[in-house]
Amino acid sequence: MQVRSSYFLNTAGYFDTDHALSPHSAWPYNTSRDVGLADTGAGGYPSCKQWWADDTVGLKPRLLQLPAPDIWTAFKKIGQSQAVYDEAALSSLVSESNMQVSQNGRVYSGYCGNVDGTVANTAARLASSAGNILGSIAAFPAFDSVRQVLPMVQALLQMALVICIALITLCSAWDVKVVMTLTFVQFALFFFTFW
């Protein structure tokens, strides 16, 4: 995480230019930073870099306040610099396994629960597979009837196009764009069977 985050934080054109899409009251509206964005009175539009590193309301300082103070004391006994401890704590706090679901406080359980091999996820996967099988039993005959009627539809479309070519080219006064468009439409209809 350290290499990626430091690269995006310290390289111009990434986190220093990307900004919030809606105003946030923690940051006041700044006319030089928020140029072109509406001043709604609800706050400003901080850049990603400001949102992360702001000393008072930034995400990084707020995350570093989450660990218990005795953890920092234990880290200091190891003898590393404070930056190493901060990076280790931040990596742990923002890792996928430690994300919290916002309302109920449960640990985030993967991508829509499909990664974890719990009984509930397995049952949901089996139920969805059974539903897909039952749906395909009803859908395959409909697909087959559509496949059988498509050659007749192709022939009718080709007939309609051949009839309309003369009228369209006459009305367009032999405009090159219209003639080219009709050419590509006719070419597409020839390969409709392949599609």
N, C-alpha and C. Protein backbone atom coordinates (compact mmCIF):
# COMPACT_ATOMS: atom_id res chain seq x y z
N MET A 1 0.82 -1.20 0.00
CA MET A 1 0.00 0.00 0.00
C MET A 1 0.86 1.26 0.00
N GLN A 2 1.99 1.18 0.67
CA GLN A 2 2.81 2.38 0.82
C GLN A 2 3.30 2.88 -0.52
N VAL A 3 3.75 1.97 -1.39
CA VAL A 3 4.29 2.40 -2.68
C VAL A 3 3.20 3.04 -3.52
N ARG A 4 2.02 2.38 -3.60
CA ARG A 4 0.93 2.92 -4.42
C ARG A 4 0.42 4.24 -3.86
N SER A 5 0.18 4.30 -2.56
CA SER A 5 -0.39 5.51 -1.99
C SER A 5 0.58 6.67 -2.08
N SER A 6 1.85 6.43 -1.81
CA SER A 6 2.81 7.54 -1.89
C SER A 6 2.98 8.01 -3.32
N TYR A 7 2.90 7.10 -4.28
CA TYR A 7 3.03 7.50 -5.68
C TYR A 7 1.87 8.43 -6.07
N PHE A 8 0.64 8.02 -5.77
CA PHE A 8 -0.52 8.83 -6.15
C PHE A 8 -0.60 10.12 -5.33
N LEU A 9 -0.15 10.10 -4.10
CA LEU A 9 -0.18 11.30 -3.28
C LEU A 9 0.87 12.31 -3.72
N ASN A 10 2.02 11.83 -4.16
CA ASN A 10 3.14 12.73 -4.44
C ASN A 10 3.34 13.03 -5.92
N THR A 11 2.60 12.37 -6.80
CA THR A 11 2.74 12.62 -8.24
C THR A 11 1.65 13.59 -8.68
N ALA A 12 2.04 14.63 -9.36
CA ALA A 12 1.07 15.63 -9.82
C ALA A 12 0.12 15.02 -10.84
N GLY A 13 -1.15 15.42 -10.74
CA GLY A 13 -2.15 14.97 -11.68
C GLY A 13 -3.04 13.86 -11.17
N TYR A 14 -2.78 13.36 -9.98
CA TYR A 14 -3.60 12.29 -9.42
C TYR A 14 -4.43 12.84 -8.26
N PHE A 15 -3.98 12.59 -7.04
CA PHE A 15 -4.78 12.96 -5.87
C PHE A 15 -4.80 14.46 -5.61
N ASP A 16 -3.90 15.20 -6.22
CA ASP A 16 -3.93 16.65 -6.01
C ASP A 16 -4.96 17.33 -6.92
N THR A 17 -5.39 16.65 -7.99
CA THR A 17 -6.37 17.25 -8.91
C THR A 17 -7.76 16.62 -8.79
N ASP A 18 -7.85 15.35 -8.43
CA ASP A 18 -9.16 14.72 -8.23
C ASP A 18 -9.80 15.32 -6.99
N HIS A 19 -11.10 15.60 -7.06
CA HIS A 19 -11.76 16.26 -5.93
C HIS A 19 -13.12 15.63 -5.68
N ALA A 20 -13.71 16.01 -4.58
CA ALA A 20 -15.02 15.49 -4.20
C ALA A 20 -16.08 15.93 -5.22
N LEU A 21 -17.06 15.07 -5.45
CA LEU A 21 -18.11 15.38 -6.41
C LEU A 21 -19.25 16.18 -5.79
N SER A 22 -19.33 16.17 -4.46
CA SER A 22 -20.36 16.95 -3.77
C SER A 22 -19.69 17.75 -2.65
N PRO A 23 -20.30 18.85 -2.23
CA PRO A 23 -19.67 19.68 -1.18
C PRO A 23 -19.67 18.98 0.17
N HIS A 24 -18.63 19.26 0.96
CA HIS A 24 -18.50 18.69 2.30
C HIS A 24 -18.28 19.82 3.29
N SER A 25 -19.05 19.80 4.35
CA SER A 25 -19.03 20.90 5.31
C SER A 25 -17.73 20.98 6.08
N ALA A 26 -16.95 19.91 6.15
CA ALA A 26 -15.69 19.93 6.89
C ALA A 26 -14.66 20.83 6.22
N TRP A 27 -14.82 21.08 4.92
CA TRP A 27 -13.90 21.94 4.19
C TRP A 27 -14.68 23.15 3.67
N PRO A 28 -14.26 24.35 3.99
CA PRO A 28 -14.97 25.53 3.48
C PRO A 28 -14.74 25.68 1.97
N TYR A 29 -15.68 26.35 1.33
CA TYR A 29 -15.57 26.60 -0.11
C TYR A 29 -14.37 27.50 -0.36
N ASN A 30 -13.53 27.10 -1.32
CA ASN A 30 -12.32 27.84 -1.66
C ASN A 30 -12.41 28.21 -3.13
N THR A 31 -12.45 29.50 -3.43
CA THR A 31 -12.67 29.94 -4.81
C THR A 31 -11.55 29.52 -5.75
N SER A 32 -10.32 29.44 -5.27
CA SER A 32 -9.23 29.03 -6.17
C SER A 32 -9.23 27.52 -6.39
N ARG A 33 -9.53 26.75 -5.37
CA ARG A 33 -9.55 25.29 -5.50
C ARG A 33 -10.83 24.79 -6.16
N ASP A 34 -11.97 25.40 -5.84
CA ASP A 34 -13.27 24.91 -6.29
C ASP A 34 -13.80 25.68 -7.48
N VAL A 35 -12.91 26.22 -8.31
CA VAL A 35 -13.33 27.00 -9.46
C VAL A 35 -14.17 26.12 -10.39
N GLY A 36 -15.30 26.65 -10.82
CA GLY A 36 -16.20 25.93 -11.72
C GLY A 36 -17.20 25.05 -10.99
N LEU A 37 -17.11 24.96 -9.68
CA LEU A 37 -18.03 24.14 -8.91
C LEU A 37 -18.97 25.06 -8.12
N ALA A 38 -20.19 24.66 -7.95
CA ALA A 38 -21.20 25.51 -7.34
C ALA A 38 -20.95 25.72 -5.86
N ASP A 39 -21.06 26.96 -5.43
CA ASP A 39 -20.98 27.28 -4.01
C ASP A 39 -22.39 27.21 -3.45
N THR A 40 -22.72 26.06 -2.86
CA THR A 40 -24.08 25.83 -2.36
C THR A 40 -24.24 26.28 -0.91
N GLY A 41 -23.13 26.66 -0.28
CA GLY A 41 -23.18 27.02 1.13
C GLY A 41 -23.04 25.81 2.03
N ALA A 42 -22.93 24.62 1.44
CA ALA A 42 -22.82 23.40 2.24
C ALA A 42 -21.37 22.96 2.42
N GLY A 43 -20.41 23.77 1.96
CA GLY A 43 -19.01 23.42 2.13
C GLY A 43 -18.27 23.44 0.81
N GLY A 44 -17.03 22.96 0.86
CA GLY A 44 -16.18 22.96 -0.33
C GLY A 44 -15.99 21.58 -0.90
N TYR A 45 -15.15 21.53 -1.94
CA TYR A 45 -14.87 20.30 -2.66
C TYR A 45 -13.39 19.97 -2.49
N PRO A 46 -13.01 19.26 -1.44
CA PRO A 46 -11.59 19.01 -1.20
C PRO A 46 -11.00 18.06 -2.25
N SER A 47 -9.72 18.22 -2.51
CA SER A 47 -9.03 17.27 -3.37
C SER A 47 -8.84 15.97 -2.58
N CYS A 48 -8.55 14.90 -3.28
CA CYS A 48 -8.33 13.62 -2.60
C CYS A 48 -7.15 13.72 -1.63
N LYS A 49 -6.13 14.48 -2.03
CA LYS A 49 -4.96 14.63 -1.17
C LYS A 49 -5.35 15.37 0.12
N GLN A 50 -6.16 16.45 0.00
CA GLN A 50 -6.61 17.16 1.20
C GLN A 50 -7.50 16.27 2.05
N TRP A 51 -8.38 15.52 1.40
CA TRP A 51 -9.30 14.65 2.13
C TRP A 51 -8.53 13.60 2.93
N TRP A 52 -7.42 13.14 2.39
CA TRP A 52 -6.62 12.12 3.06
C TRP A 52 -5.76 12.72 4.17
N ALA A 53 -5.05 13.82 3.88
CA ALA A 53 -3.98 14.24 4.78
C ALA A 53 -4.27 15.47 5.61
N ASP A 54 -5.44 16.09 5.51
CA ASP A 54 -5.73 17.30 6.28
C ASP A 54 -5.55 17.02 7.77
N ASP A 55 -4.81 17.91 8.47
CA ASP A 55 -4.44 17.67 9.86
C ASP A 55 -5.63 17.59 10.81
N THR A 56 -6.70 18.29 10.52
CA THR A 56 -7.82 18.33 11.46
C THR A 56 -8.96 17.38 11.07
N VAL A 57 -9.35 17.37 9.81
CA VAL A 57 -10.51 16.57 9.42
C VAL A 57 -10.19 15.52 8.36
N GLY A 58 -8.91 15.32 8.05
CA GLY A 58 -8.52 14.35 7.03
C GLY A 58 -8.77 12.92 7.48
N LEU A 59 -8.83 12.03 6.52
CA LEU A 59 -9.09 10.63 6.81
C LEU A 59 -7.91 9.97 7.52
N LYS A 60 -6.70 10.30 7.12
CA LYS A 60 -5.52 9.68 7.72
C LYS A 60 -5.42 9.95 9.22
N PRO A 61 -5.53 11.23 9.66
CA PRO A 61 -5.45 11.46 11.12
C PRO A 61 -6.60 10.80 11.88
N ARG A 62 -7.78 10.77 11.27
CA ARG A 62 -8.91 10.13 11.95
C ARG A 62 -8.70 8.62 12.07
N LEU A 63 -8.12 8.00 11.03
CA LEU A 63 -7.84 6.57 11.10
C LEU A 63 -6.77 6.25 12.12
N LEU A 64 -5.77 7.13 12.22
CA LEU A 64 -4.70 6.89 13.18
C LEU A 64 -5.16 7.08 14.63
N GLN A 65 -6.32 7.69 14.85
CA GLN A 65 -6.86 7.82 16.21
C GLN A 65 -7.65 6.57 16.63
N LEU A 66 -7.96 5.68 15.66
CA LEU A 66 -8.76 4.50 15.98
C LEU A 66 -8.05 3.46 16.85
N PRO A 67 -6.76 3.14 16.59
CA PRO A 67 -6.12 2.13 17.45
C PRO A 67 -6.00 2.61 18.89
N ALA A 68 -6.08 1.66 19.80
CA ALA A 68 -5.96 1.99 21.22
C ALA A 68 -4.55 2.52 21.52
N PRO A 69 -4.43 3.43 22.49
CA PRO A 69 -3.11 4.02 22.80
C PRO A 69 -2.06 2.99 23.19
N ASP A 70 -2.46 1.86 23.80
CA ASP A 70 -1.46 0.87 24.21
C ASP A 70 -0.81 0.18 23.00
N ILE A 71 -1.48 0.22 21.83
CA ILE A 71 -0.87 -0.34 20.62
C ILE A 71 0.32 0.52 20.21
N TRP A 72 0.15 1.85 20.29
CA TRP A 72 1.27 2.73 19.93
C TRP A 72 2.43 2.54 20.90
N THR A 73 2.12 2.33 22.17
CA THR A 73 3.17 2.09 23.16
C THR A 73 3.93 0.80 22.83
N ALA A 74 3.19 -0.22 22.43
CA ALA A 74 3.83 -1.49 22.07
C ALA A 74 4.69 -1.33 20.81
N PHE A 75 4.22 -0.54 19.85
CA PHE A 75 5.00 -0.29 18.64
C PHE A 75 6.31 0.43 18.97
N LYS A 76 6.25 1.39 19.87
CA LYS A 76 7.44 2.17 20.20
C LYS A 76 8.52 1.31 20.84
N LYS A 77 8.13 0.21 21.48
CA LYS A 77 9.11 -0.69 22.10
C LYS A 77 9.90 -1.45 21.05
N ILE A 78 9.35 -1.58 19.85
CA ILE A 78 10.04 -2.32 18.78
C ILE A 78 11.23 -1.53 18.27
N GLY A 79 11.12 -0.21 18.25
CA GLY A 79 12.25 0.62 17.87
C GLY A 79 12.23 1.14 16.45
N GLN A 80 11.11 1.13 15.77
CA GLN A 80 11.00 1.67 14.43
C GLN A 80 10.55 3.12 14.49
N SER A 81 10.58 3.78 13.32
CA SER A 81 10.15 5.18 13.28
C SER A 81 8.62 5.26 13.31
N GLN A 82 8.10 6.43 13.66
CA GLN A 82 6.66 6.63 13.73
C GLN A 82 6.00 6.43 12.37
N ALA A 83 6.69 6.80 11.29
CA ALA A 83 6.12 6.63 9.95
C ALA A 83 5.88 5.16 9.63
N VAL A 84 6.76 4.28 10.06
CA VAL A 84 6.59 2.84 9.83
C VAL A 84 5.36 2.34 10.58
N TYR A 85 5.19 2.79 11.82
CA TYR A 85 4.02 2.38 12.60
C TYR A 85 2.74 2.89 11.96
N ASP A 86 2.77 4.16 11.55
CA ASP A 86 1.58 4.75 10.92
C ASP A 86 1.19 3.97 9.67
N GLU A 87 2.17 3.64 8.83
CA GLU A 87 1.88 2.92 7.58
C GLU A 87 1.33 1.53 7.88
N ALA A 88 1.89 0.85 8.87
CA ALA A 88 1.41 -0.48 9.23
C ALA A 88 -0.02 -0.42 9.75
N ALA A 89 -0.31 0.58 10.59
CA ALA A 89 -1.66 0.72 11.13
C ALA A 89 -2.65 1.07 10.03
N LEU A 90 -2.28 1.99 9.13
CA LEU A 90 -3.17 2.37 8.04
C LEU A 90 -3.42 1.21 7.09
N SER A 91 -2.38 0.44 6.78
CA SER A 91 -2.55 -0.72 5.90
C SER A 91 -3.52 -1.72 6.51
N SER A 92 -3.43 -1.90 7.81
CA SER A 92 -4.32 -2.83 8.48
C SER A 92 -5.75 -2.30 8.54
N LEU A 93 -5.89 -1.00 8.82
CA LEU A 93 -7.23 -0.43 8.98
C LEU A 93 -8.01 -0.37 7.68
N VAL A 94 -7.33 -0.12 6.56
CA VAL A 94 -8.05 0.00 5.29
C VAL A 94 -8.02 -1.28 4.47
N SER A 95 -7.52 -2.38 5.06
CA SER A 95 -7.53 -3.65 4.33
C SER A 95 -8.97 -4.14 4.20
N GLU A 96 -9.20 -4.94 3.20
CA GLU A 96 -10.55 -5.40 2.90
C GLU A 96 -11.15 -6.19 4.05
N SER A 97 -10.33 -6.99 4.73
CA SER A 97 -10.88 -7.82 5.80
C SER A 97 -11.30 -7.00 7.02
N ASN A 98 -10.81 -5.77 7.14
CA ASN A 98 -11.16 -4.94 8.30
C ASN A 98 -12.19 -3.86 8.00
N MET A 99 -12.69 -3.80 6.76
CA MET A 99 -13.70 -2.78 6.47
C MET A 99 -14.98 -3.11 7.24
N GLN A 100 -15.64 -2.08 7.70
CA GLN A 100 -16.87 -2.26 8.46
C GLN A 100 -18.07 -1.88 7.60
N VAL A 101 -19.13 -2.67 7.67
CA VAL A 101 -20.37 -2.30 7.03
C VAL A 101 -20.95 -1.14 7.82
N SER A 102 -21.38 -0.09 7.14
CA SER A 102 -21.65 1.18 7.80
C SER A 102 -22.75 1.11 8.85
N GLN A 103 -23.81 0.38 8.66
CA GLN A 103 -24.94 0.47 9.59
C GLN A 103 -24.91 -0.57 10.70
N ASN A 104 -24.55 -1.82 10.38
CA ASN A 104 -24.73 -2.85 11.40
C ASN A 104 -23.44 -3.29 12.07
N GLY A 105 -22.29 -2.76 11.68
CA GLY A 105 -21.07 -3.02 12.40
C GLY A 105 -20.43 -4.37 12.13
N ARG A 106 -20.98 -5.16 11.22
CA ARG A 106 -20.36 -6.44 10.92
C ARG A 106 -19.15 -6.24 10.01
N VAL A 107 -18.21 -7.16 10.06
CA VAL A 107 -17.03 -7.07 9.21
C VAL A 107 -17.44 -7.36 7.78
N TYR A 108 -16.92 -6.57 6.87
CA TYR A 108 -17.20 -6.73 5.44
C TYR A 108 -16.80 -8.13 5.02
N SER A 109 -17.69 -8.85 4.37
CA SER A 109 -17.48 -10.28 4.13
C SER A 109 -17.12 -10.60 2.70
N GLY A 110 -16.43 -9.75 2.01
CA GLY A 110 -16.01 -10.07 0.65
C GLY A 110 -16.90 -9.41 -0.37
N TYR A 111 -16.71 -9.79 -1.62
CA TYR A 111 -17.45 -9.20 -2.72
C TYR A 111 -18.86 -9.77 -2.76
N CYS A 112 -19.81 -9.06 -2.17
CA CYS A 112 -21.22 -9.47 -2.11
C CYS A 112 -21.38 -10.82 -1.44
N GLY A 113 -20.47 -11.21 -0.59
CA GLY A 113 -20.58 -12.47 0.11
C GLY A 113 -20.22 -13.68 -0.73
N ASN A 114 -19.79 -13.50 -1.97
CA ASN A 114 -19.53 -14.63 -2.84
C ASN A 114 -18.16 -15.24 -2.65
N VAL A 115 -17.26 -14.55 -1.98
CA VAL A 115 -15.92 -15.07 -1.79
C VAL A 115 -15.88 -16.05 -0.62
N ASP A 116 -16.64 -15.77 0.42
CA ASP A 116 -16.61 -16.59 1.62
C ASP A 116 -17.38 -17.89 1.41
N GLY A 117 -16.84 -18.98 1.90
CA GLY A 117 -17.49 -20.28 1.74
C GLY A 117 -18.41 -20.62 2.89
N THR A 118 -19.29 -19.72 3.27
CA THR A 118 -20.22 -20.00 4.36
C THR A 118 -21.40 -20.82 3.85
N VAL A 119 -22.16 -21.40 4.76
CA VAL A 119 -23.32 -22.20 4.40
C VAL A 119 -24.36 -21.35 3.69
N ALA A 120 -24.56 -20.12 4.17
CA ALA A 120 -25.56 -19.23 3.55
C ALA A 120 -25.17 -18.88 2.11
N ASN A 121 -23.89 -18.61 1.88
CA ASN A 121 -23.44 -18.28 0.52
C ASN A 121 -23.55 -19.48 -0.41
N THR A 122 -23.22 -20.67 0.11
CA THR A 122 -23.33 -21.88 -0.71
C THR A 122 -24.79 -22.15 -1.05
N ALA A 123 -25.69 -21.99 -0.09
CA ALA A 123 -27.11 -22.20 -0.34
C ALA A 123 -27.64 -21.19 -1.35
N ALA A 124 -27.22 -19.94 -1.23
CA ALA A 124 -27.65 -18.92 -2.19
C ALA A 124 -27.13 -19.22 -3.58
N ARG A 125 -25.90 -19.70 -3.67
CA ARG A 125 -25.33 -20.05 -4.99
C ARG A 125 -26.07 -21.23 -5.61
N LEU A 126 -26.40 -22.24 -4.80
CA LEU A 126 -27.15 -23.39 -5.32
C LEU A 126 -28.55 -22.99 -5.76
N ALA A 127 -29.22 -22.12 -4.99
CA ALA A 127 -30.56 -21.66 -5.35
C ALA A 127 -30.53 -20.87 -6.64
N SER A 128 -29.53 -20.03 -6.81
CA SER A 128 -29.45 -19.25 -8.05
C SER A 128 -29.14 -20.14 -9.24
N SER A 129 -28.31 -21.17 -9.04
CA SER A 129 -28.03 -22.11 -10.14
C SER A 129 -29.29 -22.87 -10.53
N ALA A 130 -30.08 -23.30 -9.53
CA ALA A 130 -31.33 -24.01 -9.83
C ALA A 130 -32.31 -23.09 -10.56
N GLY A 131 -32.37 -21.84 -10.16
CA GLY A 131 -33.24 -20.89 -10.85
C GLY A 131 -32.81 -20.66 -12.29
N ASN A 132 -31.50 -20.60 -12.52
CA ASN A 132 -31.00 -20.45 -13.89
C ASN A 132 -31.33 -21.65 -14.75
N ILE A 133 -31.24 -22.85 -14.17
CA ILE A 133 -31.58 -24.07 -14.92
C ILE A 133 -33.06 -24.07 -15.29
N LEU A 134 -33.91 -23.75 -14.33
CA LEU A 134 -35.36 -23.71 -14.62
C LEU A 134 -35.69 -22.63 -15.63
N GLY A 135 -35.03 -21.48 -15.53
CA GLY A 135 -35.27 -20.41 -16.50
C GLY A 135 -34.82 -20.79 -17.90
N SER A 136 -33.71 -21.54 -17.99
CA SER A 136 -33.21 -21.93 -19.31
C SER A 136 -34.11 -22.97 -19.96
N ILE A 137 -34.77 -23.80 -19.15
CA ILE A 137 -35.70 -24.79 -19.72
C ILE A 137 -36.84 -24.07 -20.45
N ALA A 138 -37.29 -22.96 -19.90
CA ALA A 138 -38.36 -22.19 -20.56
C ALA A 138 -37.81 -21.31 -21.69
N ALA A 139 -36.58 -20.85 -21.56
CA ALA A 139 -36.06 -19.89 -22.54
C ALA A 139 -35.53 -20.55 -23.80
N PHE A 140 -34.96 -21.75 -23.72
CA PHE A 140 -34.35 -22.37 -24.90
C PHE A 140 -35.33 -22.62 -26.03
N PRO A 141 -36.58 -23.08 -25.76
CA PRO A 141 -37.52 -23.21 -26.88
C PRO A 141 -37.84 -21.86 -27.54
N ALA A 142 -37.92 -20.80 -26.74
CA ALA A 142 -38.18 -19.48 -27.30
C ALA A 142 -37.00 -19.03 -28.16
N PHE A 143 -35.77 -19.28 -27.70
CA PHE A 143 -34.59 -18.94 -28.50
C PHE A 143 -34.58 -19.72 -29.81
N ASP A 144 -35.00 -20.99 -29.76
CA ASP A 144 -35.00 -21.82 -30.97
C ASP A 144 -36.01 -21.31 -31.98
N SER A 145 -37.18 -20.89 -31.51
CA SER A 145 -38.19 -20.37 -32.45
C SER A 145 -37.72 -19.05 -33.06
N VAL A 146 -37.03 -18.22 -32.27
CA VAL A 146 -36.49 -16.97 -32.81
C VAL A 146 -35.42 -17.27 -33.85
N ARG A 147 -34.57 -18.25 -33.57
CA ARG A 147 -33.52 -18.63 -34.51
C ARG A 147 -34.10 -19.14 -35.83
N GLN A 148 -35.21 -19.84 -35.77
CA GLN A 148 -35.82 -20.38 -36.99
C GLN A 148 -36.50 -19.29 -37.82
N VAL A 149 -37.00 -18.23 -37.20
CA VAL A 149 -37.72 -17.19 -37.94
C VAL A 149 -36.78 -16.10 -38.47
N LEU A 150 -35.53 -16.03 -37.97
CA LEU A 150 -34.63 -14.96 -38.38
C LEU A 150 -34.31 -14.94 -39.88
N PRO A 151 -34.16 -16.09 -40.58
CA PRO A 151 -33.93 -16.00 -42.03
C PRO A 151 -35.07 -15.31 -42.78
N MET A 152 -36.31 -15.54 -42.33
CA MET A 152 -37.44 -14.88 -42.98
C MET A 152 -37.42 -13.38 -42.68
N VAL A 153 -37.06 -13.01 -41.48
CA VAL A 153 -36.96 -11.59 -41.13
C VAL A 153 -35.86 -10.94 -41.95
N GLN A 154 -34.74 -11.64 -42.13
CA GLN A 154 -33.64 -11.11 -42.93
C GLN A 154 -34.10 -10.88 -44.38
N ALA A 155 -34.82 -11.81 -44.93
CA ALA A 155 -35.29 -11.66 -46.31
C ALA A 155 -36.25 -10.48 -46.45
N LEU A 156 -37.13 -10.31 -45.48
CA LEU A 156 -38.07 -9.18 -45.52
C LEU A 156 -37.34 -7.85 -45.40
N LEU A 157 -36.33 -7.77 -44.53
CA LEU A 157 -35.56 -6.54 -44.39
C LEU A 157 -34.78 -6.22 -45.66
N GLN A 158 -34.21 -7.24 -46.29
CA GLN A 158 -33.49 -7.02 -47.54
C GLN A 158 -34.43 -6.53 -48.64
N MET A 159 -35.63 -7.12 -48.70
CA MET A 159 -36.62 -6.70 -49.70
C MET A 159 -37.02 -5.24 -49.46
N ALA A 160 -37.26 -4.88 -48.21
CA ALA A 160 -37.65 -3.51 -47.90
C ALA A 160 -36.53 -2.53 -48.24
N LEU A 161 -35.29 -2.92 -47.97
CA LEU A 161 -34.17 -2.04 -48.29
C LEU A 161 -34.01 -1.85 -49.79
N VAL A 162 -34.15 -2.92 -50.57
CA VAL A 162 -34.01 -2.81 -52.03
C VAL A 162 -35.09 -1.90 -52.60
N ILE A 163 -36.29 -1.99 -52.05
CA ILE A 163 -37.38 -1.13 -52.52
C ILE A 163 -37.09 0.32 -52.16
N CYS A 164 -36.54 0.55 -50.98
CA CYS A 164 -36.33 1.92 -50.50
C CYS A 164 -35.08 2.58 -51.07
N ILE A 165 -34.14 1.79 -51.56
CA ILE A 165 -32.88 2.37 -52.05
C ILE A 165 -33.13 3.43 -53.12
N ALA A 166 -33.97 3.09 -54.09
CA ALA A 166 -34.22 4.03 -55.19
C ALA A 166 -34.87 5.31 -54.68
N LEU A 167 -35.86 5.18 -53.81
CA LEU A 167 -36.55 6.36 -53.29
C LEU A 167 -35.63 7.22 -52.43
N ILE A 168 -34.84 6.57 -51.59
CA ILE A 168 -33.97 7.33 -50.68
C ILE A 168 -32.88 8.06 -51.46
N THR A 169 -32.27 7.38 -52.42
CA THR A 169 -31.21 8.04 -53.19
C THR A 169 -31.77 9.18 -54.04
N LEU A 170 -32.98 9.01 -54.57
CA LEU A 170 -33.59 10.07 -55.36
C LEU A 170 -33.91 11.28 -54.47
N CYS A 171 -34.49 11.02 -53.31
CA CYS A 171 -34.84 12.12 -52.39
C CYS A 171 -33.61 12.81 -51.81
N SER A 172 -32.51 12.09 -51.68
CA SER A 172 -31.30 12.69 -51.11
C SER A 172 -30.46 13.38 -52.18
N ALA A 173 -30.92 13.38 -53.43
CA ALA A 173 -30.19 14.00 -54.54
C ALA A 173 -28.80 13.38 -54.69
N TRP A 174 -28.74 12.07 -54.54
CA TRP A 174 -27.51 11.31 -54.71
C TRP A 174 -26.39 11.81 -53.78
N ASP A 175 -26.78 12.15 -52.55
CA ASP A 175 -25.78 12.59 -51.56
C ASP A 175 -24.86 11.41 -51.23
N VAL A 176 -23.56 11.68 -51.20
CA VAL A 176 -22.57 10.62 -50.99
C VAL A 176 -22.75 9.96 -49.62
N LYS A 177 -23.05 10.76 -48.59
CA LYS A 177 -23.22 10.20 -47.24
C LYS A 177 -24.40 9.23 -47.20
N VAL A 178 -25.47 9.57 -47.87
CA VAL A 178 -26.66 8.71 -47.87
C VAL A 178 -26.36 7.41 -48.62
N VAL A 179 -25.70 7.53 -49.78
CA VAL A 179 -25.37 6.34 -50.57
C VAL A 179 -24.44 5.42 -49.78
N MET A 180 -23.44 5.99 -49.10
CA MET A 180 -22.52 5.17 -48.29
C MET A 180 -23.25 4.51 -47.12
N THR A 181 -24.17 5.25 -46.50
CA THR A 181 -24.94 4.67 -45.40
C THR A 181 -25.77 3.50 -45.89
N LEU A 182 -26.44 3.66 -47.02
CA LEU A 182 -27.23 2.56 -47.58
C LEU A 182 -26.36 1.37 -47.94
N THR A 183 -25.15 1.63 -48.43
CA THR A 183 -24.23 0.55 -48.76
C THR A 183 -23.88 -0.27 -47.52
N PHE A 184 -23.57 0.43 -46.43
CA PHE A 184 -23.21 -0.29 -45.21
C PHE A 184 -24.41 -1.00 -44.60
N VAL A 185 -25.60 -0.43 -44.72
CA VAL A 185 -26.80 -1.10 -44.21
C VAL A 185 -27.04 -2.38 -45.00
N GLN A 186 -26.90 -2.31 -46.32
CA GLN A 186 -27.11 -3.50 -47.14
C GLN A 186 -26.03 -4.55 -46.85
N PHE A 187 -24.80 -4.11 -46.69
CA PHE A 187 -23.72 -5.03 -46.33
C PHE A 187 -24.01 -5.71 -44.99
N ALA A 188 -24.51 -4.94 -44.03
CA ALA A 188 -24.85 -5.51 -42.71
C ALA A 188 -25.98 -6.52 -42.82
N LEU A 189 -26.96 -6.25 -43.67
CA LEU A 189 -28.07 -7.19 -43.82
C LEU A 189 -27.62 -8.50 -44.46
N PHE A 190 -26.62 -8.44 -45.34
CA PHE A 190 -26.11 -9.68 -45.94
C PHE A 190 -25.48 -10.58 -44.87
N PHE A 191 -24.85 -9.96 -43.88
CA PHE A 191 -24.18 -10.74 -42.85
C PHE A 191 -25.04 -10.90 -41.60
N PHE A 192 -26.31 -10.62 -41.69
CA PHE A 192 -27.24 -10.80 -40.57
C PHE A 192 -27.32 -12.27 -40.18
N THR A 193 -27.18 -13.17 -41.14
CA THR A 193 -27.23 -14.60 -40.84
C THR A 193 -26.06 -14.98 -39.95
N PHE A 194 -24.91 -14.43 -40.23
CA PHE A 194 -23.73 -14.72 -39.41
C PHE A 194 -23.92 -14.22 -37.98
N TRP A 195 -24.52 -13.04 -37.82
CA TRP A 195 -24.73 -12.50 -36.49
C TRP A 195 -25.66 -13.39 -35.69
